[in-house]
C-alpha cells in the first residue's frame, strides 16, 4: 500500500493570525474528506488507515496557489479551494487555502515537494 497524505497550502501574503489560519486549513481538510469519503476512493481509505497524515505548506501568492491547483488537477489529485466568508480578518471571497488529496505521497510531492512548511 502506497503512503498517503493530504497537503494544505496556505497563502503567506495574507498574514493570517494563527487561529484564522487553523480554521481555514480545517475548512480545506473537511471539504476534501467530505468529497473523498462520498467517492470511496482507495487512496482515501488507505489514508484513513495510515493515520490521516496532513502537511501544511506555504506559497506567497494566489497566482502560485492557482498554478498548484492546475498541476494537481492534471495529475488527478483531488483539490479544494477555501474562500473566506469575510466576517473577520479578510474580505469576503478571498481564497485562503488549497487542499490537495488525500493521495499518494509521491504524486503529491511532484506538485508541492519544493514548498516550505507554513
Protein backbone atom coordinates (compact mmCIF):
# COMPACT_ATOMS: atom_id res chain seq x y z
CA UNK A 1 0.00 0.00 0.00
CA UNK A 2 1.43 3.38 -1.03
CA UNK A 3 1.98 6.03 1.64
CA UNK A 4 -0.88 8.55 1.53
CA UNK A 5 -1.11 12.15 2.69
CA UNK A 6 -3.14 15.33 2.44
CA UNK A 7 -1.45 18.66 1.71
CA UNK A 8 -2.90 22.02 2.72
CA UNK A 9 -1.28 25.03 1.07
CA UNK A 10 -1.81 28.48 2.61
CA UNK A 11 -1.27 31.94 1.14
CA UNK A 12 1.52 33.62 3.05
CA UNK A 13 0.78 37.08 1.69
CA UNK A 14 -2.45 37.19 3.71
CA UNK A 15 -0.60 37.13 7.06
CA UNK A 16 -3.48 35.39 8.80
CA UNK A 17 -3.45 35.10 12.57
CA UNK A 18 -2.70 31.58 13.85
CA UNK A 19 -6.33 30.97 14.80
CA UNK A 20 -7.66 32.14 11.44
CA UNK A 21 -5.04 30.04 9.63
CA UNK A 22 -6.01 26.96 11.64
CA UNK A 23 -9.70 27.48 10.81
CA UNK A 24 -9.00 27.90 7.09
CA UNK A 25 -6.82 24.78 6.96
CA UNK A 26 -9.55 22.86 8.79
CA UNK A 27 -12.11 24.03 6.22
CA UNK A 28 -9.96 22.63 3.40
CA UNK A 29 -9.46 19.29 5.17
CA UNK A 30 -13.19 18.92 5.84
CA UNK A 31 -14.01 19.79 2.21
CA UNK A 32 -11.60 17.14 0.92
CA UNK A 33 -12.72 14.46 3.37
CA UNK A 34 -16.40 15.08 2.63
CA UNK A 35 -15.82 14.79 -1.10
CA UNK A 36 -13.48 11.82 -0.99
CA UNK A 37 -15.50 9.85 1.57
CA UNK A 38 -18.51 10.07 -0.72
CA UNK A 39 -16.45 8.86 -3.69
CA UNK A 40 -14.96 5.98 -1.65
CA UNK A 41 -11.58 6.22 -3.36
CA UNK A 42 -8.97 3.67 -2.36
CA UNK A 43 -6.48 6.43 -1.55
CA UNK A 44 -8.95 7.89 0.95
CA UNK A 45 -9.46 4.56 2.71
CA UNK A 46 -5.70 3.95 2.79
CA UNK A 47 -5.12 7.47 4.15
CA UNK A 48 -7.60 6.82 6.97
CA UNK A 49 -5.94 3.50 7.79
CA UNK A 50 -2.48 5.13 7.81
CA UNK A 51 -3.37 7.79 10.39
CA UNK A 52 -4.58 10.69 8.18
CA UNK A 53 -1.20 12.36 7.56
CA UNK A 54 -1.56 16.08 6.83
CA UNK A 55 1.13 18.60 5.89
CA UNK A 56 0.63 22.39 5.87
CA UNK A 57 2.79 24.26 3.36
CA UNK A 58 3.02 27.84 2.15
CA UNK A 59 3.11 29.86 -1.04
CA UNK A 60 3.21 33.64 -1.21
CA UNK A 61 0.59 34.49 -3.82
CA UNK A 62 -2.78 33.49 -5.20
CA UNK A 63 -1.12 33.00 -8.62
CA UNK A 64 1.15 30.31 -7.12
CA UNK A 65 -1.84 28.66 -5.48
CA UNK A 66 -3.79 28.64 -8.75
CA UNK A 67 -0.82 27.14 -10.58
CA UNK A 68 -0.55 24.34 -8.00
CA UNK A 69 -4.26 23.64 -8.36
CA UNK A 70 -3.98 23.29 -12.14
CA UNK A 71 -0.97 20.98 -11.84
CA UNK A 72 -2.68 18.82 -9.21
CA UNK A 73 -5.84 18.51 -11.27
CA UNK A 74 -3.81 17.49 -14.33
CA UNK A 75 -2.42 14.61 -12.24
CA UNK A 76 -5.84 13.56 -10.98
CA UNK A 77 -5.28 14.78 -7.42
CA UNK A 78 -8.45 15.91 -5.62
CA UNK A 79 -8.46 19.65 -4.83
CA UNK A 80 -10.47 22.06 -2.70
CA UNK A 81 -10.19 25.86 -2.58
CA UNK A 82 -11.30 27.68 0.55
CA UNK A 83 -12.91 31.09 0.08
CA UNK A 84 -13.35 33.09 3.27
CA UNK A 85 -16.75 34.47 4.27
CA UNK A 86 -15.12 37.79 5.18
CA UNK A 87 -16.51 38.06 8.69
CA UNK A 88 -13.22 38.70 10.48
CA UNK A 89 -9.77 39.43 9.04
CA UNK A 90 -10.05 39.45 5.24
CA UNK A 91 -12.57 40.48 2.56
CA UNK A 92 -15.35 38.08 1.52
CA UNK A 93 -14.38 35.67 -1.23
CA UNK A 94 -10.65 35.78 -0.50
CA UNK A 95 -9.08 32.42 -1.37
CA UNK A 96 -7.02 31.34 1.63
CA UNK A 97 -6.08 27.66 1.28
CA UNK A 98 -5.72 24.98 -1.38
CA UNK A 99 -6.35 21.46 -0.13
CA UNK A 100 -4.87 18.52 -2.06
CA UNK A 101 -5.54 14.82 -1.66
CA UNK A 102 -5.56 12.60 0.11
CA UNK A 103 -3.39 10.77 -2.35
CA UNK A 104 -0.07 9.01 -2.84
CA UNK A 105 2.79 10.90 -1.19
CA UNK A 106 5.00 10.54 -4.27
CA UNK A 107 2.33 12.09 -6.51
CA UNK A 108 1.60 14.98 -4.15
CA UNK A 109 5.34 15.63 -3.77
CA UNK A 110 5.51 16.19 -7.54
CA UNK A 111 3.21 19.18 -7.02
CA UNK A 112 4.26 20.50 -3.60
CA UNK A 113 7.65 18.94 -2.80
CA UNK A 114 9.55 22.21 -3.18
CA UNK A 115 7.32 24.26 -0.86
CA UNK A 116 8.23 25.35 2.65
CA UNK A 117 6.30 24.44 5.77
CA UNK A 118 3.78 27.08 6.86
